[in-house]
Amino acid sequence: MKPSKPSPKRKGPKKHLDMNRAEANRLGVVIQARPTAPLLSPNDAAKLLGVTGAGIKQWIKSGKLPAVKSSNGYWHIAPADLEAAVRHRTEAPRKRVLVYARDPELRQRLLACLAGQDVDLIAPISLTDALLKLAQLHPNALLLAADDGGWVLAQKARQTAPLRGSPVVLVAERDLSDQETARALSLRIQGFQRLMAGKPIAPEQVRILLQTLCVEA
């Protein structure tokens, strides 16, 4: 009778060594540091996302993207932080801003100051179109020229339940009259900006407009 072979030992689940560095030092065990992903420069991050390096730096300065600055003045970004920032921007609902001005040149200047922001721009080409989009799309904020159409839209927004609390900002290339100021107060207009005729909107004015519209700069 042939001797039976010993049955192979069953392999149990692999046990993972779980100890902190202090315990490892006490037992003489060497714990190898986990490899970390290399930090990215703004240009590296920009290439990954298909945007400009200036855009990445704007994210950093506005606090949307965590980064550290080295002693030589260069920014460094952890890949995990970049991934989290992109996920937040893609998953967060985009705000809708309606921009209206009867004057095409002024309308273009207003649209230009919001270009590049993380918002959906609604740019009606007429007052009738603006009223239709106001009723259908329910924008989160309104940037309006202080002309006849702008006042109509501001009043209509305050009469529409979903829009009663939406920020409304007026702009004009002149000061508001006393009557217009009183009307703006009665309509709970959040802000007014006087623009220089025929000139680009100043960066400081853009920043104030964005803040008043509750749109992140």
N, C-alpha and C. Protein backbone atom coordinates (compact mmCIF):
# COMPACT_ATOMS: atom_id res chain seq x y z
N MET A 1 0.86 -1.19 0.00
CA MET A 1 0.00 0.00 0.00
C MET A 1 0.90 1.24 0.00
N LYS A 2 0.65 2.06 -1.00
CA LYS A 2 1.46 3.26 -1.13
C LYS A 2 1.11 4.27 -0.04
N PRO A 3 2.13 4.85 0.51
CA PRO A 3 1.82 5.89 1.53
C PRO A 3 1.11 7.07 0.88
N SER A 4 0.10 7.54 1.55
CA SER A 4 -0.66 8.68 0.99
C SER A 4 0.15 9.96 1.12
N LYS A 5 0.02 10.78 0.07
CA LYS A 5 0.73 12.06 0.09
C LYS A 5 0.00 13.03 1.00
N PRO A 6 0.76 13.78 1.73
CA PRO A 6 0.09 14.79 2.61
C PRO A 6 -0.64 15.82 1.76
N SER A 7 -1.85 16.10 2.17
CA SER A 7 -2.65 17.09 1.42
C SER A 7 -2.02 18.46 1.53
N PRO A 8 -2.00 19.17 0.41
CA PRO A 8 -1.38 20.51 0.45
C PRO A 8 -2.12 21.44 1.39
N LYS A 9 -1.36 22.23 2.05
CA LYS A 9 -1.98 23.18 2.97
C LYS A 9 -2.75 24.25 2.20
N ARG A 10 -3.92 24.51 2.71
CA ARG A 10 -4.72 25.56 2.09
C ARG A 10 -4.13 26.92 2.41
N LYS A 11 -4.08 27.70 1.36
CA LYS A 11 -3.55 29.06 1.54
C LYS A 11 -4.68 29.99 1.97
N GLY A 12 -4.51 30.58 3.06
CA GLY A 12 -5.51 31.54 3.52
C GLY A 12 -5.31 32.89 2.88
N PRO A 13 -6.15 33.82 3.23
CA PRO A 13 -6.00 35.17 2.66
C PRO A 13 -4.70 35.80 3.09
N LYS A 14 -4.15 36.57 2.19
CA LYS A 14 -2.91 37.25 2.50
C LYS A 14 -3.11 38.24 3.62
N LYS A 15 -2.21 38.25 4.56
CA LYS A 15 -2.30 39.18 5.66
C LYS A 15 -1.44 40.39 5.36
N HIS A 16 -2.02 41.53 5.53
CA HIS A 16 -1.30 42.77 5.29
C HIS A 16 -0.79 43.31 6.61
N LEU A 17 0.45 43.67 6.61
CA LEU A 17 1.05 44.24 7.81
C LEU A 17 0.56 45.66 8.00
N ASP A 18 -0.08 45.89 9.10
CA ASP A 18 -0.64 47.21 9.36
C ASP A 18 -0.04 47.76 10.65
N MET A 19 0.93 48.60 10.52
CA MET A 19 1.55 49.19 11.70
C MET A 19 2.01 50.59 11.35
N ASN A 20 2.10 51.41 12.37
CA ASN A 20 2.59 52.76 12.13
C ASN A 20 4.12 52.77 12.21
N ARG A 21 4.70 53.93 11.91
CA ARG A 21 6.15 53.99 11.83
C ARG A 21 6.82 53.76 13.18
N ALA A 22 6.17 54.20 14.26
CA ALA A 22 6.76 54.00 15.59
C ALA A 22 6.86 52.51 15.92
N GLU A 23 5.79 51.74 15.64
CA GLU A 23 5.82 50.31 15.90
C GLU A 23 6.87 49.62 15.02
N ALA A 24 6.98 50.10 13.78
CA ALA A 24 7.96 49.50 12.87
C ALA A 24 9.39 49.71 13.39
N ASN A 25 9.67 50.89 13.89
CA ASN A 25 11.00 51.17 14.42
C ASN A 25 11.31 50.29 15.64
N ARG A 26 10.28 50.07 16.46
CA ARG A 26 10.47 49.25 17.67
C ARG A 26 10.78 47.80 17.32
N LEU A 27 10.14 47.31 16.25
CA LEU A 27 10.34 45.92 15.84
C LEU A 27 11.47 45.75 14.84
N GLY A 28 12.03 46.86 14.40
CA GLY A 28 13.12 46.77 13.44
C GLY A 28 12.66 46.50 12.03
N VAL A 29 11.42 46.85 11.73
CA VAL A 29 10.87 46.63 10.39
C VAL A 29 11.01 47.92 9.59
N VAL A 30 11.42 47.78 8.36
CA VAL A 30 11.58 48.94 7.49
C VAL A 30 10.31 49.11 6.65
N ILE A 31 9.69 50.25 6.78
CA ILE A 31 8.51 50.55 5.97
C ILE A 31 8.93 51.47 4.85
N GLN A 32 8.72 51.00 3.64
CA GLN A 32 9.07 51.82 2.49
C GLN A 32 7.97 52.85 2.23
N ALA A 33 8.38 54.06 1.97
CA ALA A 33 7.40 55.12 1.69
C ALA A 33 6.69 54.83 0.38
N ARG A 34 5.38 55.10 0.37
CA ARG A 34 4.63 54.91 -0.85
C ARG A 34 5.04 55.95 -1.89
N PRO A 35 5.22 55.53 -3.11
CA PRO A 35 5.59 56.51 -4.14
C PRO A 35 4.48 57.52 -4.36
N THR A 36 4.84 58.77 -4.44
CA THR A 36 3.86 59.82 -4.66
C THR A 36 3.96 60.32 -6.09
N ALA A 37 2.80 60.71 -6.63
CA ALA A 37 2.79 61.23 -8.00
C ALA A 37 3.53 62.56 -8.04
N PRO A 38 4.29 62.79 -9.10
CA PRO A 38 5.04 64.06 -9.18
C PRO A 38 4.09 65.25 -9.27
N LEU A 39 4.52 66.36 -8.68
CA LEU A 39 3.72 67.58 -8.73
C LEU A 39 3.73 68.14 -10.14
N LEU A 40 2.65 68.87 -10.45
CA LEU A 40 2.49 69.43 -11.79
C LEU A 40 2.69 70.94 -11.76
N SER A 41 3.24 71.47 -12.83
CA SER A 41 3.30 72.92 -13.00
C SER A 41 1.97 73.36 -13.62
N PRO A 42 1.64 74.66 -13.55
CA PRO A 42 0.43 75.14 -14.23
C PRO A 42 0.38 74.77 -15.71
N ASN A 43 1.52 74.82 -16.39
CA ASN A 43 1.54 74.45 -17.81
C ASN A 43 1.28 72.97 -18.00
N ASP A 44 1.82 72.12 -17.09
CA ASP A 44 1.54 70.69 -17.17
C ASP A 44 0.05 70.42 -17.01
N ALA A 45 -0.55 71.08 -16.00
CA ALA A 45 -2.00 70.91 -15.76
C ALA A 45 -2.80 71.41 -16.94
N ALA A 46 -2.36 72.52 -17.53
CA ALA A 46 -3.07 73.09 -18.67
C ALA A 46 -3.07 72.13 -19.86
N LYS A 47 -1.93 71.47 -20.09
CA LYS A 47 -1.84 70.51 -21.21
C LYS A 47 -2.77 69.33 -20.99
N LEU A 48 -2.88 68.88 -19.74
CA LEU A 48 -3.75 67.74 -19.44
C LEU A 48 -5.22 68.09 -19.68
N LEU A 49 -5.60 69.34 -19.40
CA LEU A 49 -7.00 69.74 -19.51
C LEU A 49 -7.33 70.41 -20.83
N GLY A 50 -6.30 70.74 -21.61
CA GLY A 50 -6.55 71.42 -22.87
C GLY A 50 -6.94 72.88 -22.70
N VAL A 51 -6.41 73.52 -21.65
CA VAL A 51 -6.68 74.94 -21.41
C VAL A 51 -5.34 75.67 -21.39
N THR A 52 -5.37 76.94 -21.06
CA THR A 52 -4.14 77.73 -21.02
C THR A 52 -3.54 77.73 -19.61
N GLY A 53 -2.23 77.94 -19.55
CA GLY A 53 -1.58 78.05 -18.26
C GLY A 53 -2.09 79.23 -17.45
N ALA A 54 -2.45 80.32 -18.16
CA ALA A 54 -3.01 81.50 -17.47
C ALA A 54 -4.34 81.15 -16.81
N GLY A 55 -5.13 80.30 -17.46
CA GLY A 55 -6.40 79.88 -16.87
C GLY A 55 -6.20 79.08 -15.60
N ILE A 56 -5.19 78.19 -15.61
CA ILE A 56 -4.89 77.40 -14.41
C ILE A 56 -4.44 78.32 -13.27
N LYS A 57 -3.60 79.31 -13.60
CA LYS A 57 -3.14 80.25 -12.56
C LYS A 57 -4.30 81.06 -12.00
N GLN A 58 -5.30 81.36 -12.84
CA GLN A 58 -6.47 82.08 -12.35
C GLN A 58 -7.25 81.21 -11.37
N TRP A 59 -7.34 79.91 -11.66
CA TRP A 59 -7.98 78.98 -10.72
C TRP A 59 -7.25 79.01 -9.38
N ILE A 60 -5.91 79.02 -9.44
CA ILE A 60 -5.12 79.00 -8.21
C ILE A 60 -5.34 80.29 -7.41
N LYS A 61 -5.27 81.44 -8.09
CA LYS A 61 -5.40 82.72 -7.40
C LYS A 61 -6.79 82.92 -6.82
N SER A 62 -7.80 82.35 -7.47
CA SER A 62 -9.17 82.50 -6.98
C SER A 62 -9.52 81.46 -5.92
N GLY A 63 -8.58 80.54 -5.62
CA GLY A 63 -8.82 79.54 -4.59
C GLY A 63 -9.56 78.31 -5.07
N LYS A 64 -9.79 78.19 -6.38
CA LYS A 64 -10.51 77.02 -6.90
C LYS A 64 -9.61 75.80 -7.02
N LEU A 65 -8.30 76.01 -7.05
CA LEU A 65 -7.36 74.91 -7.22
C LEU A 65 -6.23 75.05 -6.20
N PRO A 66 -6.13 74.11 -5.24
CA PRO A 66 -5.03 74.18 -4.26
C PRO A 66 -3.67 74.03 -4.95
N ALA A 67 -2.71 74.80 -4.50
CA ALA A 67 -1.36 74.73 -5.05
C ALA A 67 -0.40 75.33 -4.03
N VAL A 68 0.87 74.97 -4.16
CA VAL A 68 1.90 75.53 -3.28
C VAL A 68 2.93 76.24 -4.14
N LYS A 69 3.47 77.32 -3.62
CA LYS A 69 4.47 78.09 -4.35
C LYS A 69 5.84 77.81 -3.74
N SER A 70 6.77 77.41 -4.56
CA SER A 70 8.12 77.12 -4.09
C SER A 70 8.89 78.41 -3.85
N SER A 71 10.09 78.27 -3.29
CA SER A 71 10.89 79.44 -2.96
C SER A 71 11.30 80.23 -4.21
N ASN A 72 11.33 79.56 -5.36
CA ASN A 72 11.70 80.28 -6.59
C ASN A 72 10.50 80.92 -7.29
N GLY A 73 9.33 80.84 -6.64
CA GLY A 73 8.15 81.53 -7.16
C GLY A 73 7.29 80.72 -8.10
N TYR A 74 7.60 79.44 -8.30
CA TYR A 74 6.82 78.60 -9.21
C TYR A 74 5.72 77.87 -8.45
N TRP A 75 4.55 77.74 -9.10
CA TRP A 75 3.43 77.02 -8.51
C TRP A 75 3.58 75.52 -8.78
N HIS A 76 3.15 74.70 -7.80
CA HIS A 76 3.17 73.25 -7.95
C HIS A 76 1.81 72.71 -7.51
N ILE A 77 1.26 71.78 -8.31
CA ILE A 77 -0.09 71.28 -8.09
C ILE A 77 -0.04 69.76 -7.92
N ALA A 78 -0.70 69.27 -6.88
CA ALA A 78 -0.80 67.82 -6.69
C ALA A 78 -1.83 67.27 -7.68
N PRO A 79 -1.52 66.16 -8.37
CA PRO A 79 -2.49 65.60 -9.32
C PRO A 79 -3.85 65.33 -8.70
N ALA A 80 -3.87 64.87 -7.44
CA ALA A 80 -5.15 64.60 -6.78
C ALA A 80 -5.97 65.87 -6.62
N ASP A 81 -5.31 67.00 -6.32
CA ASP A 81 -6.02 68.27 -6.18
C ASP A 81 -6.57 68.73 -7.52
N LEU A 82 -5.80 68.51 -8.59
CA LEU A 82 -6.28 68.88 -9.92
C LEU A 82 -7.49 68.05 -10.30
N GLU A 83 -7.44 66.77 -10.02
CA GLU A 83 -8.56 65.88 -10.33
C GLU A 83 -9.81 66.29 -9.55
N ALA A 84 -9.63 66.63 -8.26
CA ALA A 84 -10.78 67.05 -7.44
C ALA A 84 -11.38 68.35 -7.94
N ALA A 85 -10.53 69.30 -8.35
CA ALA A 85 -11.03 70.58 -8.85
C ALA A 85 -11.80 70.40 -10.15
N VAL A 86 -11.30 69.53 -11.03
CA VAL A 86 -12.00 69.27 -12.30
C VAL A 86 -13.33 68.59 -12.04
N ARG A 87 -13.33 67.62 -11.10
CA ARG A 87 -14.56 66.92 -10.78
C ARG A 87 -15.62 67.88 -10.23
N HIS A 88 -15.18 68.81 -9.38
CA HIS A 88 -16.12 69.78 -8.82
C HIS A 88 -16.72 70.67 -9.90
N ARG A 89 -15.88 71.11 -10.83
CA ARG A 89 -16.36 72.01 -11.88
C ARG A 89 -17.29 71.30 -12.86
N THR A 90 -17.05 70.02 -13.10
CA THR A 90 -17.88 69.29 -14.05
C THR A 90 -19.19 68.82 -13.42
N GLU A 91 -19.17 68.55 -12.10
CA GLU A 91 -20.37 68.05 -11.45
C GLU A 91 -21.26 69.17 -10.92
N ALA A 92 -20.67 70.34 -10.62
CA ALA A 92 -21.47 71.44 -10.10
C ALA A 92 -22.35 72.03 -11.20
N PRO A 93 -23.60 72.34 -10.90
CA PRO A 93 -24.47 72.93 -11.92
C PRO A 93 -23.96 74.30 -12.36
N ARG A 94 -23.93 74.53 -13.66
CA ARG A 94 -23.47 75.81 -14.18
C ARG A 94 -24.58 76.85 -14.06
N LYS A 95 -24.18 78.06 -13.72
CA LYS A 95 -25.15 79.14 -13.61
C LYS A 95 -25.46 79.72 -14.98
N ARG A 96 -26.68 80.21 -15.13
CA ARG A 96 -27.11 80.82 -16.38
C ARG A 96 -27.27 82.32 -16.16
N VAL A 97 -26.61 83.11 -16.98
CA VAL A 97 -26.67 84.56 -16.86
C VAL A 97 -27.25 85.13 -18.16
N LEU A 98 -28.33 85.86 -18.04
CA LEU A 98 -28.93 86.52 -19.20
C LEU A 98 -28.32 87.90 -19.36
N VAL A 99 -27.82 88.19 -20.54
CA VAL A 99 -27.17 89.47 -20.83
C VAL A 99 -27.98 90.17 -21.92
N TYR A 100 -28.46 91.39 -21.60
CA TYR A 100 -29.28 92.11 -22.58
C TYR A 100 -28.85 93.57 -22.66
N ALA A 101 -28.76 94.06 -23.89
CA ALA A 101 -28.57 95.48 -24.17
C ALA A 101 -29.12 95.73 -25.58
N ARG A 102 -29.87 96.78 -25.72
CA ARG A 102 -30.42 97.10 -27.05
C ARG A 102 -29.30 97.46 -28.02
N ASP A 103 -28.26 98.15 -27.50
CA ASP A 103 -27.11 98.54 -28.33
C ASP A 103 -26.22 97.32 -28.57
N PRO A 104 -26.03 96.86 -29.82
CA PRO A 104 -25.23 95.65 -30.08
C PRO A 104 -23.80 95.77 -29.57
N GLU A 105 -23.19 96.97 -29.67
CA GLU A 105 -21.81 97.13 -29.22
C GLU A 105 -21.71 96.96 -27.71
N LEU A 106 -22.66 97.53 -26.97
CA LEU A 106 -22.65 97.38 -25.52
C LEU A 106 -22.93 95.93 -25.14
N ARG A 107 -23.83 95.29 -25.84
CA ARG A 107 -24.13 93.88 -25.55
C ARG A 107 -22.87 93.02 -25.72
N GLN A 108 -22.10 93.30 -26.77
CA GLN A 108 -20.88 92.54 -27.01
C GLN A 108 -19.86 92.78 -25.90
N ARG A 109 -19.76 94.00 -25.41
CA ARG A 109 -18.83 94.30 -24.32
C ARG A 109 -19.24 93.56 -23.05
N LEU A 110 -20.52 93.49 -22.79
CA LEU A 110 -21.00 92.78 -21.60
C LEU A 110 -20.73 91.28 -21.72
N LEU A 111 -20.97 90.73 -22.90
CA LEU A 111 -20.70 89.31 -23.11
C LEU A 111 -19.20 89.01 -22.96
N ALA A 112 -18.37 89.94 -23.45
CA ALA A 112 -16.92 89.74 -23.39
C ALA A 112 -16.42 89.69 -21.95
N CYS A 113 -17.04 90.48 -21.07
CA CYS A 113 -16.55 90.51 -19.69
C CYS A 113 -16.91 89.23 -18.94
N LEU A 114 -17.88 88.46 -19.45
CA LEU A 114 -18.24 87.19 -18.82
C LEU A 114 -17.62 86.00 -19.52
N ALA A 115 -16.98 86.24 -20.66
CA ALA A 115 -16.36 85.15 -21.40
C ALA A 115 -15.25 84.51 -20.57
N GLY A 116 -15.19 83.19 -20.60
CA GLY A 116 -14.18 82.48 -19.84
C GLY A 116 -14.61 82.11 -18.43
N GLN A 117 -15.75 82.63 -17.98
CA GLN A 117 -16.27 82.24 -16.67
C GLN A 117 -17.06 80.94 -16.81
N ASP A 118 -17.21 80.26 -15.70
CA ASP A 118 -17.89 78.97 -15.72
C ASP A 118 -19.41 79.16 -15.63
N VAL A 119 -19.96 79.83 -16.66
CA VAL A 119 -21.39 80.11 -16.71
C VAL A 119 -21.90 79.85 -18.12
N ASP A 120 -23.19 79.64 -18.22
CA ASP A 120 -23.85 79.57 -19.52
C ASP A 120 -24.44 80.94 -19.81
N LEU A 121 -24.01 81.56 -20.89
CA LEU A 121 -24.48 82.89 -21.25
C LEU A 121 -25.73 82.80 -22.12
N ILE A 122 -26.72 83.56 -21.74
CA ILE A 122 -27.95 83.67 -22.53
C ILE A 122 -27.92 85.06 -23.15
N ALA A 123 -27.86 85.12 -24.48
CA ALA A 123 -27.67 86.40 -25.18
C ALA A 123 -28.79 86.64 -26.17
N PRO A 124 -29.96 87.06 -25.70
CA PRO A 124 -31.07 87.33 -26.62
C PRO A 124 -30.74 88.49 -27.56
N ILE A 125 -31.29 88.43 -28.77
CA ILE A 125 -30.99 89.46 -29.77
C ILE A 125 -32.06 90.54 -29.83
N SER A 126 -33.14 90.37 -29.07
CA SER A 126 -34.21 91.37 -29.05
C SER A 126 -34.92 91.28 -27.71
N LEU A 127 -35.73 92.28 -27.42
CA LEU A 127 -36.48 92.27 -26.16
C LEU A 127 -37.48 91.12 -26.15
N THR A 128 -38.13 90.88 -27.29
CA THR A 128 -39.09 89.76 -27.37
C THR A 128 -38.39 88.44 -27.09
N ASP A 129 -37.21 88.26 -27.69
CA ASP A 129 -36.43 87.05 -27.46
C ASP A 129 -36.00 86.95 -26.01
N ALA A 130 -35.63 88.08 -25.41
CA ALA A 130 -35.21 88.09 -24.00
C ALA A 130 -36.36 87.69 -23.08
N LEU A 131 -37.55 88.21 -23.33
CA LEU A 131 -38.70 87.87 -22.49
C LEU A 131 -39.02 86.38 -22.61
N LEU A 132 -38.88 85.84 -23.82
CA LEU A 132 -39.14 84.41 -24.03
C LEU A 132 -38.13 83.56 -23.28
N LYS A 133 -36.85 83.92 -23.37
CA LYS A 133 -35.80 83.16 -22.68
C LYS A 133 -35.91 83.31 -21.17
N LEU A 134 -36.35 84.46 -20.72
CA LEU A 134 -36.54 84.69 -19.29
C LEU A 134 -37.59 83.73 -18.74
N ALA A 135 -38.68 83.54 -19.50
CA ALA A 135 -39.76 82.66 -19.05
C ALA A 135 -39.40 81.19 -19.17
N GLN A 136 -38.63 80.85 -20.19
CA GLN A 136 -38.34 79.44 -20.44
C GLN A 136 -37.12 78.92 -19.68
N LEU A 137 -36.07 79.73 -19.58
CA LEU A 137 -34.79 79.25 -19.04
C LEU A 137 -34.55 79.60 -17.58
N HIS A 138 -35.29 80.59 -17.05
CA HIS A 138 -35.14 81.01 -15.66
C HIS A 138 -33.67 81.21 -15.28
N PRO A 139 -33.01 82.23 -15.84
CA PRO A 139 -31.59 82.47 -15.54
C PRO A 139 -31.35 82.72 -14.06
N ASN A 140 -30.13 82.38 -13.62
CA ASN A 140 -29.77 82.60 -12.21
C ASN A 140 -29.44 84.06 -11.92
N ALA A 141 -29.07 84.84 -12.96
CA ALA A 141 -28.72 86.24 -12.78
C ALA A 141 -28.95 86.97 -14.09
N LEU A 142 -29.12 88.30 -13.99
CA LEU A 142 -29.37 89.13 -15.17
C LEU A 142 -28.40 90.30 -15.18
N LEU A 143 -27.75 90.51 -16.31
CA LEU A 143 -26.87 91.66 -16.52
C LEU A 143 -27.52 92.49 -17.63
N LEU A 144 -28.05 93.66 -17.27
CA LEU A 144 -28.92 94.41 -18.18
C LEU A 144 -28.42 95.83 -18.38
N ALA A 145 -28.54 96.31 -19.61
CA ALA A 145 -28.32 97.73 -19.86
C ALA A 145 -29.51 98.50 -19.31
N ALA A 146 -29.24 99.69 -18.79
CA ALA A 146 -30.31 100.52 -18.22
C ALA A 146 -31.05 101.26 -19.33
N ASP A 147 -31.56 100.50 -20.30
CA ASP A 147 -32.39 101.08 -21.35
C ASP A 147 -33.82 100.60 -21.15
N ASP A 148 -34.72 100.97 -22.05
CA ASP A 148 -36.14 100.62 -21.87
C ASP A 148 -36.32 99.12 -21.72
N GLY A 149 -35.64 98.33 -22.57
CA GLY A 149 -35.76 96.88 -22.50
C GLY A 149 -35.21 96.31 -21.21
N GLY A 150 -34.10 96.86 -20.73
CA GLY A 150 -33.51 96.39 -19.49
C GLY A 150 -34.44 96.57 -18.30
N TRP A 151 -35.10 97.72 -18.25
CA TRP A 151 -36.05 97.96 -17.16
C TRP A 151 -37.24 97.00 -17.24
N VAL A 152 -37.71 96.73 -18.45
CA VAL A 152 -38.82 95.79 -18.63
C VAL A 152 -38.43 94.40 -18.11
N LEU A 153 -37.21 93.97 -18.45
CA LEU A 153 -36.75 92.65 -18.03
C LEU A 153 -36.57 92.59 -16.51
N ALA A 154 -36.04 93.66 -15.93
CA ALA A 154 -35.86 93.68 -14.47
C ALA A 154 -37.20 93.57 -13.76
N GLN A 155 -38.19 94.31 -14.25
CA GLN A 155 -39.51 94.25 -13.63
C GLN A 155 -40.15 92.88 -13.82
N LYS A 156 -39.99 92.32 -15.03
CA LYS A 156 -40.56 91.00 -15.30
C LYS A 156 -39.92 89.95 -14.40
N ALA A 157 -38.61 90.06 -14.16
CA ALA A 157 -37.93 89.09 -13.29
C ALA A 157 -38.50 89.13 -11.88
N ARG A 158 -38.80 90.32 -11.39
CA ARG A 158 -39.32 90.44 -10.03
C ARG A 158 -40.78 89.97 -9.93
N GLN A 159 -41.45 89.84 -11.07
CA GLN A 159 -42.83 89.37 -11.09
C GLN A 159 -42.92 87.86 -11.32
N THR A 160 -41.77 87.22 -11.60
CA THR A 160 -41.73 85.79 -11.89
C THR A 160 -41.17 85.06 -10.67
N ALA A 161 -41.96 84.13 -10.13
CA ALA A 161 -41.61 83.49 -8.86
C ALA A 161 -40.19 82.93 -8.82
N PRO A 162 -39.74 82.13 -9.80
CA PRO A 162 -38.39 81.56 -9.69
C PRO A 162 -37.28 82.60 -9.78
N LEU A 163 -37.59 83.82 -10.22
CA LEU A 163 -36.55 84.82 -10.46
C LEU A 163 -36.55 85.96 -9.45
N ARG A 164 -37.47 85.94 -8.51
CA ARG A 164 -37.60 87.08 -7.61
C ARG A 164 -36.34 87.34 -6.79
N GLY A 165 -35.59 86.30 -6.49
CA GLY A 165 -34.37 86.49 -5.71
C GLY A 165 -33.11 86.50 -6.55
N SER A 166 -33.23 86.39 -7.87
CA SER A 166 -32.04 86.34 -8.73
C SER A 166 -31.36 87.71 -8.77
N PRO A 167 -30.03 87.76 -8.70
CA PRO A 167 -29.33 89.05 -8.78
C PRO A 167 -29.56 89.71 -10.13
N VAL A 168 -29.79 91.02 -10.09
CA VAL A 168 -29.95 91.84 -11.30
C VAL A 168 -28.98 93.01 -11.20
N VAL A 169 -28.16 93.19 -12.23
CA VAL A 169 -27.19 94.29 -12.26
C VAL A 169 -27.45 95.12 -13.50
N LEU A 170 -27.51 96.44 -13.32
CA LEU A 170 -27.70 97.38 -14.42
C LEU A 170 -26.37 98.03 -14.77
N VAL A 171 -26.19 98.33 -16.05
CA VAL A 171 -25.02 99.07 -16.50
C VAL A 171 -25.47 100.15 -17.47
N ALA A 172 -24.71 101.22 -17.54
CA ALA A 172 -25.00 102.31 -18.47
C ALA A 172 -23.76 103.16 -18.64
N GLU A 173 -23.73 103.90 -19.72
CA GLU A 173 -22.60 104.81 -19.98
C GLU A 173 -22.93 106.20 -19.46
N ARG A 174 -23.76 106.27 -18.46
CA ARG A 174 -24.16 107.53 -17.82
C ARG A 174 -24.60 107.19 -16.40
N ASP A 175 -24.79 108.22 -15.59
CA ASP A 175 -25.32 108.01 -14.25
C ASP A 175 -26.84 107.84 -14.32
N LEU A 176 -27.39 107.10 -13.36
CA LEU A 176 -28.84 106.98 -13.28
C LEU A 176 -29.44 108.27 -12.75
N SER A 177 -30.61 108.60 -13.27
CA SER A 177 -31.33 109.77 -12.74
C SER A 177 -31.91 109.41 -11.38
N ASP A 178 -32.38 110.42 -10.67
CA ASP A 178 -32.99 110.17 -9.36
C ASP A 178 -34.20 109.25 -9.50
N GLN A 179 -34.96 109.46 -10.57
CA GLN A 179 -36.14 108.62 -10.80
C GLN A 179 -35.73 107.17 -11.07
N GLU A 180 -34.67 106.98 -11.86
CA GLU A 180 -34.19 105.63 -12.15
C GLU A 180 -33.62 104.97 -10.90
N THR A 181 -32.94 105.75 -10.07
CA THR A 181 -32.39 105.19 -8.83
C THR A 181 -33.51 104.70 -7.92
N ALA A 182 -34.57 105.49 -7.81
CA ALA A 182 -35.71 105.08 -6.99
C ALA A 182 -36.37 103.82 -7.57
N ARG A 183 -36.45 103.76 -8.89
CA ARG A 183 -37.03 102.58 -9.54
C ARG A 183 -36.17 101.35 -9.29
N ALA A 184 -34.84 101.52 -9.35
CA ALA A 184 -33.94 100.40 -9.09
C ALA A 184 -34.10 99.89 -7.66
N LEU A 185 -34.26 100.79 -6.72
CA LEU A 185 -34.46 100.38 -5.33
C LEU A 185 -35.78 99.63 -5.16
N SER A 186 -36.82 100.09 -5.84
CA SER A 186 -38.12 99.42 -5.72
C SER A 186 -38.10 98.03 -6.34
N LEU A 187 -37.23 97.83 -7.34
CA LEU A 187 -37.12 96.53 -7.99
C LEU A 187 -36.04 95.64 -7.35
N ARG A 188 -35.43 96.13 -6.28
CA ARG A 188 -34.39 95.38 -5.56
C ARG A 188 -33.25 95.00 -6.51
N ILE A 189 -32.80 96.00 -7.28
CA ILE A 189 -31.64 95.80 -8.15
C ILE A 189 -30.40 95.69 -7.28
N GLN A 190 -29.58 94.67 -7.50
CA GLN A 190 -28.43 94.44 -6.64
C GLN A 190 -27.27 95.38 -6.90
N GLY A 191 -27.13 95.90 -8.12
CA GLY A 191 -25.97 96.74 -8.39
C GLY A 191 -26.11 97.54 -9.67
N PHE A 192 -25.28 98.59 -9.76
CA PHE A 192 -25.22 99.42 -10.96
C PHE A 192 -23.77 99.77 -11.22
N GLN A 193 -23.36 99.70 -12.48
CA GLN A 193 -22.00 100.06 -12.87
C GLN A 193 -22.07 101.05 -14.04
N ARG A 194 -21.35 102.17 -13.88
CA ARG A 194 -21.24 103.12 -15.00
C ARG A 194 -20.01 102.73 -15.82
N LEU A 195 -20.21 102.58 -17.13
CA LEU A 195 -19.13 102.19 -18.03
C LEU A 195 -18.64 103.39 -18.82
N MET A 196 -17.36 103.35 -19.17
CA MET A 196 -16.78 104.38 -20.02
C MET A 196 -17.20 104.10 -21.46
N ALA A 197 -17.72 105.11 -22.14
CA ALA A 197 -18.24 104.93 -23.49
C ALA A 197 -17.15 104.45 -24.44
N GLY A 198 -17.44 103.36 -25.15
CA GLY A 198 -16.54 102.86 -26.19
C GLY A 198 -15.27 102.22 -25.71
N LYS A 199 -15.11 102.03 -24.40
CA LYS A 199 -13.87 101.44 -23.87
C LYS A 199 -14.17 100.09 -23.22
N PRO A 200 -13.17 99.18 -23.20
CA PRO A 200 -13.38 97.89 -22.53
C PRO A 200 -13.70 98.09 -21.06
N ILE A 201 -14.45 97.17 -20.52
CA ILE A 201 -14.81 97.24 -19.11
C ILE A 201 -13.56 96.95 -18.28
N ALA A 202 -13.28 97.81 -17.33
CA ALA A 202 -12.07 97.68 -16.51
C ALA A 202 -12.10 96.40 -15.69
N PRO A 203 -10.92 95.77 -15.47
CA PRO A 203 -10.88 94.51 -14.71
C PRO A 203 -11.54 94.62 -13.33
N GLU A 204 -11.35 95.74 -12.66
CA GLU A 204 -11.96 95.90 -11.34
C GLU A 204 -13.48 95.92 -11.44
N GLN A 205 -14.00 96.56 -12.50
CA GLN A 205 -15.45 96.57 -12.71
C GLN A 205 -15.96 95.17 -13.03
N VAL A 206 -15.19 94.42 -13.80
CA VAL A 206 -15.57 93.03 -14.11
C VAL A 206 -15.67 92.22 -12.83
N ARG A 207 -14.67 92.39 -11.95
CA ARG A 207 -14.67 91.64 -10.69
C ARG A 207 -15.90 91.98 -9.85
N ILE A 208 -16.25 93.26 -9.80
CA ILE A 208 -17.42 93.68 -9.02
C ILE A 208 -18.70 93.13 -9.65
N LEU A 209 -18.78 93.18 -10.98
CA LEU A 209 -19.95 92.63 -11.68
C LEU A 209 -20.13 91.15 -11.36
N LEU A 210 -19.03 90.40 -11.42
CA LEU A 210 -19.10 88.97 -11.16
C LEU A 210 -19.54 88.69 -9.73
N GLN A 211 -19.00 89.44 -8.80
CA GLN A 211 -19.37 89.25 -7.39
C GLN A 211 -20.85 89.58 -7.17
N THR A 212 -21.31 90.68 -7.78
CA THR A 212 -22.70 91.10 -7.58
C THR A 212 -23.66 90.11 -8.24
N LEU A 213 -23.24 89.54 -9.36
CA LEU A 213 -24.07 88.53 -10.04
C LEU A 213 -23.98 87.17 -9.36
N CYS A 214 -23.15 87.07 -8.32
CA CYS A 214 -22.92 85.80 -7.61
C CYS A 214 -22.32 84.77 -8.55
N VAL A 215 -21.45 85.25 -9.45
CA VAL A 215 -20.71 84.38 -10.35
C VAL A 215 -19.25 84.43 -9.92
N GLU A 216 -18.63 83.24 -9.72
CA GLU A 216 -17.25 83.21 -9.25
C GLU A 216 -16.32 83.77 -10.30
N ALA A 217 -15.42 84.63 -9.83
CA ALA A 217 -14.43 85.20 -10.75
C ALA A 217 -13.22 84.31 -10.86
